[in-house]
Amino acid sequence: MQHDGAPAWGRLAGDEIELDSGARVAAAGAEYLAPVEPTKIIATHLTYRSRVEEYAARTPAEPSYFMKPLSTLNGHGGVLRRPRGARFLNYEGEVAAVIGRRMHGVGESEALSYVAGYAPANDVGLHDFRHADRGSMLRVKGQDGFCPIGPALTAAEDFDPSGFEIRTYLNGEVVQEGSAADLIWPIAYLLADLARTITLEPGDVVLSGTPANSRPMEPGDVVAVEVSGLGRLENRVVEWDVDLSGPGEQLQVSANTLHVALAMPEDEAADAVRSGRS
């Protein structure tokens, strides 16, 4: 959390946060930061069966990944900025696994022993840039503040990554719902897969994917991700008065935007764009 103008580590203790310094502050009024200090953030594409079915897609043979910059980190209670002129800022409730010790070449059976803890996360995406990234997801998923995590990190021994339930709420209503049973690959598999070729360092974050029904948010909306055993992460959407008309790709509603942001069938999405109904 932010305390006296500087970052400070602490732990939730009922209605208060007990800082490492011994000071106590009210949890309700605290300014939360992401409870992680990673060298990298790795996100996973399709991992939930419900999402594959929603898109009428083929089940991937193996997981695939993309990176989010460290500047995407955001905390519980932080704002999510939708740039002026954008329409498709989507929530994606996820479970974040945070590495506890250096991990490389570790098998699936041992992978979870390298995890320090877990937390709710929101892999926010701006799909008005879906046409621009060609798979990198940098503009879509890499903008500042697009990775809220928190409010706290739950120790690995206090959470079962093979037995959780996850729900996303928009203004108090459930909009996403899933469980570990819906995962195509367990979190241990994802970690072991990554560790074959990438050294995961202490603090690194691996996002484990989202269930069906990721949809756009509007300024003023409050989005929450709740994971059984991990608590509830809440953030508010605001309009960002910024001019994005400079160099580079511009905001655009493409067929891929409608397909991904609204789960619109691909042929219907292409027809909507051609006919100007987007």
Foldseek 3Di string as FASTA:
>chain_A
DADPNHDFDFDDDPQWTQTPVRDIDGPVPDQAWAAFDFPWEKEKEDWFPQACVLLVHDDDPDIDIATADPLQTGEFAAEDEDEPPADQWWWFKWKKWFFAAKFAQDALVCQLVRTQFIWIKIQIFRLLCVVPPVPNSCNGRHDGNRIYTDSYTDGSVQDDQQFKKKFKDKQRHTQFIDTSVRTPDGPSVVRNVCRHPDIGHGRYIYTRTGHDGIAGDDAQIKMWMQMVRHGIGIYGYHYDHDDPPDDDDDRHQALVSCCPRVVDHSVVSNVCVVVVVD
